[in-house]
């Protein structure tokens, strides 16, 4: 797959939740994340939650679940045991 095609696919909310999740993450951030957390891990954590429907619009993203998904991604990636979303912020 060429880069142009991949970028087009990743930016198309008909095919992937990434656009909605990315916008929702930016809305959550009062400060930057203190360490990198991959969006594919956040999306996996979010979408693998039982009963959750894949969000295609930012308005449909469950903010509290998204915060937990970012926190879980940070803890796994960096081998930490942070307890709150605020702790992942710089």
PDB file of N, CA and C in Angstrom:
ATOM      1  N   UNK A   1       0.858  -1.175   0.000  1.00  0.00           N
ATOM      2  CA  UNK A   1       0.000   0.000   0.000  1.00  0.00           C
ATOM      3  C   UNK A   1       0.900   1.233   0.000  1.00  0.00           C
ATOM      4  N   UNK A   2       0.597   2.168  -0.824  1.00  0.00           N
ATOM      5  CA  UNK A   2       1.377   3.396  -0.899  1.00  0.00           C
ATOM      6  C   UNK A   2       0.990   4.343   0.238  1.00  0.00           C
ATOM      7  N   UNK A   3       1.924   5.233   0.594  1.00  0.00           N
ATOM      8  CA  UNK A   3       1.691   6.156   1.701  1.00  0.00           C
ATOM      9  C   UNK A   3       0.434   6.995   1.481  1.00  0.00           C
ATOM     10  N   UNK A   4       0.231   7.479   0.275  1.00  0.00           N
ATOM     11  CA  UNK A   4      -0.952   8.300  -0.035  1.00  0.00           C
ATOM     12  C   UNK A   4      -2.236   7.522   0.253  1.00  0.00           C
ATOM     13  N   UNK A   5      -2.264   6.263  -0.164  1.00  0.00           N
ATOM     14  CA  UNK A   5      -3.442   5.428   0.062  1.00  0.00           C
ATOM     15  C   UNK A   5      -3.655   5.162   1.549  1.00  0.00           C
ATOM     16  N   UNK A   6      -2.573   4.918   2.261  1.00  0.00           N
ATOM     17  CA  UNK A   6      -2.668   4.671   3.697  1.00  0.00           C
ATOM     18  C   UNK A   6      -3.173   5.908   4.431  1.00  0.00           C
ATOM     19  N   UNK A   7      -2.649   7.072   4.090  1.00  0.00           N
ATOM     20  CA  UNK A   7      -3.101   8.316   4.721  1.00  0.00           C
ATOM     21  C   UNK A   7      -4.580   8.566   4.437  1.00  0.00           C
ATOM     22  N   UNK A   8      -4.991   8.286   3.212  1.00  0.00           N
ATOM     23  CA  UNK A   8      -6.391   8.476   2.836  1.00  0.00           C
ATOM     24  C   UNK A   8      -7.294   7.537   3.642  1.00  0.00           C
ATOM     25  N   UNK A   9      -6.873   6.289   3.776  1.00  0.00           N
ATOM     26  CA  UNK A   9      -7.658   5.316   4.534  1.00  0.00           C
ATOM     27  C   UNK A   9      -7.741   5.719   6.005  1.00  0.00           C
ATOM     28  N   UNK A  10      -6.594   6.097   6.597  1.00  0.00           N
ATOM     29  CA  UNK A  10      -6.566   6.460   8.015  1.00  0.00           C
ATOM     30  C   UNK A  10      -7.377   7.717   8.309  1.00  0.00           C
ATOM     31  N   UNK A  11      -7.522   8.586   7.338  1.00  0.00           N
ATOM     32  CA  UNK A  11      -8.271   9.815   7.536  1.00  0.00           C
ATOM     33  C   UNK A  11      -9.740   9.722   7.188  1.00  0.00           C
ATOM     34  N   UNK A  12     -10.181   8.560   6.741  1.00  0.00           N
ATOM     35  CA  UNK A  12     -11.560   8.391   6.300  1.00  0.00           C
ATOM     36  C   UNK A  12     -12.376   7.722   7.406  1.00  0.00           C
ATOM     37  N   UNK A  13     -13.269   8.459   8.014  1.00  0.00           N
ATOM     38  CA  UNK A  13     -14.048   7.939   9.143  1.00  0.00           C
ATOM     39  C   UNK A  13     -15.045   6.853   8.739  1.00  0.00           C
ATOM     40  N   UNK A  14     -15.249   6.636   7.452  1.00  0.00           N
ATOM     41  CA  UNK A  14     -16.097   5.516   7.033  1.00  0.00           C
ATOM     42  C   UNK A  14     -15.401   4.186   7.255  1.00  0.00           C
ATOM     43  N   UNK A  15     -14.073   4.195   7.227  1.00  0.00           N
ATOM     44  CA  UNK A  15     -13.301   2.961   7.303  1.00  0.00           C
ATOM     45  C   UNK A  15     -12.628   2.717   8.645  1.00  0.00           C
ATOM     46  N   UNK A  16     -12.402   3.766   9.410  1.00  0.00           N
ATOM     47  CA  UNK A  16     -11.607   3.629  10.629  1.00  0.00           C
ATOM     48  C   UNK A  16     -12.062   4.616  11.704  1.00  0.00           C
ATOM     49  N   UNK A  17     -11.880   4.260  12.974  1.00  0.00           N
ATOM     50  CA  UNK A  17     -12.236   5.173  14.062  1.00  0.00           C
ATOM     51  C   UNK A  17     -11.157   6.209  14.364  1.00  0.00           C
ATOM     52  N   UNK A  18      -9.994   6.125  13.703  1.00  0.00           N
ATOM     53  CA  UNK A  18      -8.882   7.008  14.051  1.00  0.00           C
ATOM     54  C   UNK A  18      -9.214   8.492  13.990  1.00  0.00           C
ATOM     55  N   UNK A  19      -9.907   8.990  12.967  1.00  0.00           N
ATOM     56  CA  UNK A  19     -10.192  10.431  12.958  1.00  0.00           C
ATOM     57  C   UNK A  19     -11.009  10.884  14.173  1.00  0.00           C
ATOM     58  N   UNK A  20     -12.042  10.139  14.519  1.00  0.00           N
ATOM     59  CA  UNK A  20     -12.884  10.513  15.662  1.00  0.00           C
ATOM     60  C   UNK A  20     -12.105  10.403  16.967  1.00  0.00           C
ATOM     61  N   UNK A  21     -11.347   9.324  17.126  1.00  0.00           N
ATOM     62  CA  UNK A  21     -10.583   9.147  18.363  1.00  0.00           C
ATOM     63  C   UNK A  21      -9.498  10.207  18.493  1.00  0.00           C
ATOM     64  N   UNK A  22      -8.821  10.535  17.401  1.00  0.00           N
ATOM     65  CA  UNK A  22      -7.762  11.556  17.463  1.00  0.00           C
ATOM     66  C   UNK A  22      -8.343  12.905  17.865  1.00  0.00           C
ATOM     67  N   UNK A  23      -9.457  13.291  17.264  1.00  0.00           N
ATOM     68  CA  UNK A  23     -10.083  14.578  17.634  1.00  0.00           C
ATOM     69  C   UNK A  23     -10.517  14.568  19.093  1.00  0.00           C
ATOM     70  N   UNK A  24     -11.072  13.453  19.545  1.00  0.00           N
ATOM     71  CA  UNK A  24     -11.532  13.356  20.928  1.00  0.00           C
ATOM     72  C   UNK A  24     -10.350  13.431  21.902  1.00  0.00           C
ATOM     73  N   UNK A  25      -9.225  12.820  21.535  1.00  0.00           N
ATOM     74  CA  UNK A  25      -8.032  12.894  22.384  1.00  0.00           C
ATOM     75  C   UNK A  25      -7.563  14.340  22.505  1.00  0.00           C
ATOM     76  N   UNK A  26      -7.522  15.054  21.384  1.00  0.00           N
ATOM     77  CA  UNK A  26      -7.102  16.462  21.434  1.00  0.00           C
ATOM     78  C   UNK A  26      -8.033  17.285  22.319  1.00  0.00           C
ATOM     79  N   UNK A  27      -9.304  16.967  22.322  1.00  0.00           N
ATOM     80  CA  UNK A  27     -10.255  17.685  23.186  1.00  0.00           C
ATOM     81  C   UNK A  27      -9.996  17.396  24.660  1.00  0.00           C
ATOM     82  N   UNK A  28      -9.501  16.207  24.964  1.00  0.00           N
ATOM     83  CA  UNK A  28      -9.233  15.820  26.353  1.00  0.00           C
ATOM     84  C   UNK A  28      -7.990  16.486  26.930  1.00  0.00           C
ATOM     85  N   UNK A  29      -7.046  16.786  26.059  1.00  0.00           N
ATOM     86  CA  UNK A  29      -5.731  17.207  26.537  1.00  0.00           C
ATOM     87  C   UNK A  29      -5.702  18.667  26.965  1.00  0.00           C
ATOM     88  N   UNK A  30      -5.505  18.875  28.251  1.00  0.00           N
ATOM     89  CA  UNK A  30      -5.275  20.226  28.764  1.00  0.00           C
ATOM     90  C   UNK A  30      -3.783  20.537  28.682  1.00  0.00           C
ATOM     91  N   UNK A  31      -2.989  19.467  28.662  1.00  0.00           N
ATOM     92  CA  UNK A  31      -1.532  19.535  28.494  1.00  0.00           C
ATOM     93  C   UNK A  31      -1.147  18.349  27.604  1.00  0.00           C
ATOM     94  N   UNK A  32       0.039  18.375  27.014  1.00  0.00           N
ATOM     95  CA  UNK A  32       0.459  17.227  26.188  1.00  0.00           C
ATOM     96  C   UNK A  32       0.633  15.966  27.037  1.00  0.00           C
ATOM     97  N   UNK A  33       0.625  14.823  26.387  1.00  0.00           N
ATOM     98  CA  UNK A  33       0.973  13.583  27.076  1.00  0.00           C
ATOM     99  C   UNK A  33       2.447  13.661  27.441  1.00  0.00           C
ATOM    100  N   UNK A  34       2.803  13.147  28.593  1.00  0.00           N
ATOM    101  CA  UNK A  34       4.203  13.230  29.021  1.00  0.00           C
ATOM    102  C   UNK A  34       5.083  12.242  28.273  1.00  0.00           C
ATOM    103  N   UNK A  35       4.490  11.156  27.766  1.00  0.00           N
ATOM    104  CA  UNK A  35       5.210  10.158  26.971  1.00  0.00           C
ATOM    105  C   UNK A  35       4.299   9.714  25.825  1.00  0.00           C
ATOM    106  N   UNK A  36       4.912   9.218  24.769  1.00  0.00           N
ATOM    107  CA  UNK A  36       4.144   8.777  23.602  1.00  0.00           C
ATOM    108  C   UNK A  36       3.269   7.563  23.927  1.00  0.00           C
ATOM    109  N   UNK A  37       2.065   7.588  23.397  1.00  0.00           N
ATOM    110  CA  UNK A  37       1.158   6.440  23.452  1.00  0.00           C
ATOM    111  C   UNK A  37       0.623   6.281  22.030  1.00  0.00           C
ATOM    112  N   UNK A  38       0.776   5.104  21.462  1.00  0.00           N
ATOM    113  CA  UNK A  38       0.373   4.884  20.078  1.00  0.00           C
ATOM    114  C   UNK A  38      -1.146   4.872  19.936  1.00  0.00           C
ATOM    115  N   UNK A  39      -1.648   5.560  18.907  1.00  0.00           N
ATOM    116  CA  UNK A  39      -3.093   5.659  18.714  1.00  0.00           C
ATOM    117  C   UNK A  39      -3.699   4.305  18.371  1.00  0.00           C
ATOM    118  N   UNK A  40      -2.948   3.429  17.720  1.00  0.00           N
ATOM    119  CA  UNK A  40      -3.514   2.116  17.419  1.00  0.00           C
ATOM    120  C   UNK A  40      -3.745   1.313  18.698  1.00  0.00           C
ATOM    121  N   UNK A  41      -2.899   1.525  19.693  1.00  0.00           N
ATOM    122  CA  UNK A  41      -3.092   0.856  20.986  1.00  0.00           C
ATOM    123  C   UNK A  41      -4.299   1.457  21.705  1.00  0.00           C
ATOM    124  N   UNK A  42      -4.423   2.770  21.668  1.00  0.00           N
ATOM    125  CA  UNK A  42      -5.584   3.434  22.275  1.00  0.00           C
ATOM    126  C   UNK A  42      -6.862   2.936  21.612  1.00  0.00           C
ATOM    127  N   UNK A  43      -6.864   2.900  20.271  1.00  0.00           N
ATOM    128  CA  UNK A  43      -8.048   2.434  19.534  1.00  0.00           C
ATOM    129  C   UNK A  43      -8.379   0.993  19.891  1.00  0.00           C
ATOM    130  N   UNK A  44      -7.363   0.133  19.996  1.00  0.00           N
ATOM    131  CA  UNK A  44      -7.593  -1.262  20.372  1.00  0.00           C
ATOM    132  C   UNK A  44      -8.207  -1.345  21.761  1.00  0.00           C
ATOM    133  N   UNK A  45      -7.597  -0.649  22.723  1.00  0.00           N
ATOM    134  CA  UNK A  45      -8.123  -0.669  24.100  1.00  0.00           C
ATOM    135  C   UNK A  45      -9.568  -0.185  24.124  1.00  0.00           C
ATOM    136  N   UNK A  46      -9.842   0.869  23.401  1.00  0.00           N
ATOM    137  CA  UNK A  46     -11.181   1.461  23.356  1.00  0.00           C
ATOM    138  C   UNK A  46     -12.179   0.496  22.727  1.00  0.00           C
ATOM    139  N   UNK A  47     -11.850  -0.006  21.558  1.00  0.00           N
ATOM    140  CA  UNK A  47     -12.815  -0.796  20.785  1.00  0.00           C
ATOM    141  C   UNK A  47     -12.967  -2.226  21.275  1.00  0.00           C
ATOM    142  N   UNK A  48     -12.021  -2.726  22.037  1.00  0.00           N
ATOM    143  CA  UNK A  48     -12.137  -4.082  22.561  1.00  0.00           C
ATOM    144  C   UNK A  48     -12.905  -4.140  23.877  1.00  0.00           C
ATOM    145  N   UNK A  49     -13.379  -3.008  24.333  1.00  0.00           N
ATOM    146  CA  UNK A  49     -14.196  -2.966  25.540  1.00  0.00           C
ATOM    147  C   UNK A  49     -15.568  -3.561  25.206  1.00  0.00           C
ATOM    148  N   UNK A  50     -16.003  -4.544  25.972  1.00  0.00           N
ATOM    149  CA  UNK A  50     -17.311  -5.163  25.684  1.00  0.00           C
ATOM    150  C   UNK A  50     -18.434  -4.132  25.628  1.00  0.00           C
ATOM    151  N   UNK A  51     -19.264  -4.250  24.595  1.00  0.00           N
ATOM    152  CA  UNK A  51     -20.420  -3.390  24.444  1.00  0.00           C
ATOM    153  C   UNK A  51     -20.161  -2.071  23.746  1.00  0.00           C
ATOM    154  N   UNK A  52     -18.907  -1.793  23.393  1.00  0.00           N
ATOM    155  CA  UNK A  52     -18.571  -0.526  22.754  1.00  0.00           C
ATOM    156  C   UNK A  52     -18.698  -0.669  21.245  1.00  0.00           C
ATOM    157  N   UNK A  53     -19.357   0.312  20.643  1.00  0.00           N
ATOM    158  CA  UNK A  53     -19.476   0.370  19.191  1.00  0.00           C
ATOM    159  C   UNK A  53     -18.374   1.286  18.667  1.00  0.00           C
ATOM    160  N   UNK A  54     -17.766   0.902  17.554  1.00  0.00           N
ATOM    161  CA  UNK A  54     -16.704   1.696  16.952  1.00  0.00           C
ATOM    162  C   UNK A  54     -17.226   3.089  16.607  1.00  0.00           C
ATOM    163  N   UNK A  55     -16.569   4.109  17.131  1.00  0.00           N
ATOM    164  CA  UNK A  55     -17.001   5.496  16.928  1.00  0.00           C
ATOM    165  C   UNK A  55     -16.468   6.030  15.604  1.00  0.00           C
ATOM    166  N   UNK A  56     -17.341   6.653  14.847  1.00  0.00           N
ATOM    167  CA  UNK A  56     -16.934   7.272  13.595  1.00  0.00           C
ATOM    168  C   UNK A  56     -17.098   8.786  13.638  1.00  0.00           C
ATOM    169  N   UNK A  57     -17.740   9.271  14.699  1.00  0.00           N
ATOM    170  CA  UNK A  57     -17.906  10.717  14.896  1.00  0.00           C
ATOM    171  C   UNK A  57     -17.381  11.051  16.288  1.00  0.00           C
ATOM    172  N   UNK A  58     -16.719  12.174  16.401  1.00  0.00           N
ATOM    173  CA  UNK A  58     -16.135  12.567  17.683  1.00  0.00           C
ATOM    174  C   UNK A  58     -17.222  12.674  18.762  1.00  0.00           C
ATOM    175  N   UNK A  59     -18.410  13.059  18.370  1.00  0.00           N
ATOM    176  CA  UNK A  59     -19.515  13.198  19.328  1.00  0.00           C
ATOM    177  C   UNK A  59     -19.930  11.857  19.935  1.00  0.00           C
ATOM    178  N   UNK A  60     -19.591  10.762  19.255  1.00  0.00           N
ATOM    179  CA  UNK A  60     -19.968   9.430  19.731  1.00  0.00           C
ATOM    180  C   UNK A  60     -18.915   8.786  20.626  1.00  0.00           C
ATOM    181  N   UNK A  61     -17.775   9.419  20.775  1.00  0.00           N
ATOM    182  CA  UNK A  61     -16.694   8.856  21.583  1.00  0.00           C
ATOM    183  C   UNK A  61     -17.012   9.033  23.060  1.00  0.00           C
ATOM    184  N   UNK A  62     -16.922   7.950  23.799  1.00  0.00           N
ATOM    185  CA  UNK A  62     -17.131   7.958  25.249  1.00  0.00           C
ATOM    186  C   UNK A  62     -15.848   8.490  25.888  1.00  0.00           C
ATOM    187  N   UNK A  63     -15.898   9.711  26.409  1.00  0.00           N
ATOM    188  CA  UNK A  63     -14.711  10.379  26.943  1.00  0.00           C
ATOM    189  C   UNK A  63     -14.074   9.628  28.114  1.00  0.00           C
ATOM    190  N   UNK A  64     -14.880   9.107  29.012  1.00  0.00           N
ATOM    191  CA  UNK A  64     -14.299   8.406  30.166  1.00  0.00           C
ATOM    192  C   UNK A  64     -13.623   7.105  29.724  1.00  0.00           C
ATOM    193  N   UNK A  65     -14.214   6.407  28.770  1.00  0.00           N
ATOM    194  CA  UNK A  65     -13.590   5.193  28.245  1.00  0.00           C
ATOM    195  C   UNK A  65     -12.309   5.541  27.483  1.00  0.00           C
ATOM    196  N   UNK A  66     -12.321   6.630  26.754  1.00  0.00           N
ATOM    197  CA  UNK A  66     -11.131   7.060  26.026  1.00  0.00           C
ATOM    198  C   UNK A  66     -10.000   7.385  27.008  1.00  0.00           C
ATOM    199  N   UNK A  67     -10.309   8.061  28.092  1.00  0.00           N
ATOM    200  CA  UNK A  67      -9.278   8.359  29.098  1.00  0.00           C
ATOM    201  C   UNK A  67      -8.696   7.072  29.669  1.00  0.00           C
ATOM    202  N   UNK A  68      -9.553   6.090  29.947  1.00  0.00           N
ATOM    203  CA  UNK A  68      -9.067   4.803  30.461  1.00  0.00           C
ATOM    204  C   UNK A  68      -8.206   4.092  29.423  1.00  0.00           C
ATOM    205  N   UNK A  69      -8.579   4.214  28.147  1.00  0.00           N
ATOM    206  CA  UNK A  69      -7.827   3.567  27.071  1.00  0.00           C
ATOM    207  C   UNK A  69      -6.451   4.189  26.902  1.00  0.00           C
ATOM    208  N   UNK A  70      -6.353   5.507  27.022  1.00  0.00           N
ATOM    209  CA  UNK A  70      -5.058   6.196  26.960  1.00  0.00           C
ATOM    210  C   UNK A  70      -4.212   5.788  28.165  1.00  0.00           C
ATOM    211  N   UNK A  71      -4.798   5.785  29.337  1.00  0.00           N
ATOM    212  CA  UNK A  71      -4.092   5.404  30.562  1.00  0.00           C
ATOM    213  C   UNK A  71      -3.566   3.976  30.463  1.00  0.00           C
ATOM    214  N   UNK A  72      -4.409   3.062  30.001  1.00  0.00           N
ATOM    215  CA  UNK A  72      -3.989   1.670  29.853  1.00  0.00           C
ATOM    216  C   UNK A  72      -2.841   1.551  28.843  1.00  0.00           C
ATOM    217  N   UNK A  73      -2.955   2.279  27.726  1.00  0.00           N
ATOM    218  CA  UNK A  73      -1.891   2.258  26.727  1.00  0.00           C
ATOM    219  C   UNK A  73      -0.574   2.783  27.273  1.00  0.00           C
ATOM    220  N   UNK A  74      -0.639   3.844  28.057  1.00  0.00           N
ATOM    221  CA  UNK A  74       0.560   4.400  28.675  1.00  0.00           C
ATOM    222  C   UNK A  74       1.168   3.406  29.655  1.00  0.00           C
ATOM    223  N   UNK A  75       0.358   2.816  30.492  1.00  0.00           N
ATOM    224  CA  UNK A  75       0.868   1.872  31.484  1.00  0.00           C
ATOM    225  C   UNK A  75       1.539   0.663  30.832  1.00  0.00           C
ATOM    226  N   UNK A  76       0.930   0.140  29.787  1.00  0.00           N
ATOM    227  CA  UNK A  76       1.496  -1.026  29.107  1.00  0.00           C
ATOM    228  C   UNK A  76       2.787  -0.652  28.396  1.00  0.00           C
ATOM    229  N   UNK A  77       2.758   0.431  27.630  1.00  0.00           N
ATOM    230  CA  UNK A  77       3.930   0.828  26.837  1.00  0.00           C
ATOM    231  C   UNK A  77       5.132   1.164  27.711  1.00  0.00           C
ATOM    232  N   UNK A  78       4.887   1.819  28.825  1.00  0.00           N
ATOM    233  CA  UNK A  78       5.991   2.307  29.638  1.00  0.00           C
ATOM    234  C   UNK A  78       6.190   1.500  30.924  1.00  0.00           C
ATOM    235  N   UNK A  79       5.460   0.394  31.069  1.00  0.00           N
ATOM    236  CA  UNK A  79       5.634  -0.470  32.228  1.00  0.00           C
ATOM    237  C   UNK A  79       5.343   0.220  33.549  1.00  0.00           C
ATOM    238  N   UNK A  80       4.317   1.054  33.532  1.00  0.00           N
ATOM    239  CA  UNK A  80       3.984   1.822  34.730  1.00  0.00           C
ATOM    240  C   UNK A  80       2.671   1.339  35.340  1.00  0.00           C
ATOM    241  N   UNK A  81       2.325   1.939  36.459  1.00  0.00           N
ATOM    242  CA  UNK A  81       1.065   1.639  37.142  1.00  0.00           C
ATOM    243  C   UNK A  81       0.380   2.935  37.543  1.00  0.00           C
ATOM    244  N   UNK A  82       0.263   3.858  36.565  1.00  0.00           N
ATOM    245  CA  UNK A  82      -0.422   5.113  36.849  1.00  0.00           C
ATOM    246  C   UNK A  82      -1.896   4.815  37.092  1.00  0.00           C
ATOM    247  N   UNK A  83      -2.531   5.607  37.943  1.00  0.00           N
ATOM    248  CA  UNK A  83      -3.913   5.330  38.330  1.00  0.00           C
ATOM    249  C   UNK A  83      -4.933   6.263  37.688  1.00  0.00           C
ATOM    250  N   UNK A  84      -4.506   7.447  37.247  1.00  0.00           N
ATOM    251  CA  UNK A  84      -5.461   8.406  36.706  1.00  0.00           C
ATOM    252  C   UNK A  84      -4.968   8.977  35.385  1.00  0.00           C
ATOM    253  N   UNK A  85      -5.909   9.446  34.586  1.00  0.00           N
ATOM    254  CA  UNK A  85      -5.577  10.064  33.308  1.00  0.00           C
ATOM    255  C   UNK A  85      -4.686  11.286  33.507  1.00  0.00           C
ATOM    256  N   UNK A  86      -4.923  12.049  34.546  1.00  0.00           N
ATOM    257  CA  UNK A  86      -4.120  13.255  34.803  1.00  0.00           C
ATOM    258  C   UNK A  86      -2.630  12.927  34.933  1.00  0.00           C
ATOM    259  N   UNK A  87      -2.307  11.719  35.374  1.00  0.00           N
ATOM    260  CA  UNK A  87      -0.906  11.336  35.537  1.00  0.00           C
ATOM    261  C   UNK A  87      -0.182  11.113  34.210  1.00  0.00           C
ATOM    262  N   UNK A  88      -0.912  10.911  33.127  1.00  0.00           N
ATOM    263  CA  UNK A  88      -0.260  10.717  31.827  1.00  0.00           C
ATOM    264  C   UNK A  88       0.049  12.045  31.143  1.00  0.00           C
ATOM    265  N   UNK A  89      -0.452  13.138  31.712  1.00  0.00           N
ATOM    266  CA  UNK A  89      -0.225  14.447  31.123  1.00  0.00           C
ATOM    267  C   UNK A  89       1.085  15.044  31.615  1.00  0.00           C
ATOM    268  N   UNK A  90       1.717  15.857  30.757  1.00  0.00           N
ATOM    269  CA  UNK A  90       2.990  16.500  31.119  1.00  0.00           C
ATOM    270  C   UNK A  90       2.764  17.532  32.195  1.00  0.00           C
TER     271      UNK A  90
END
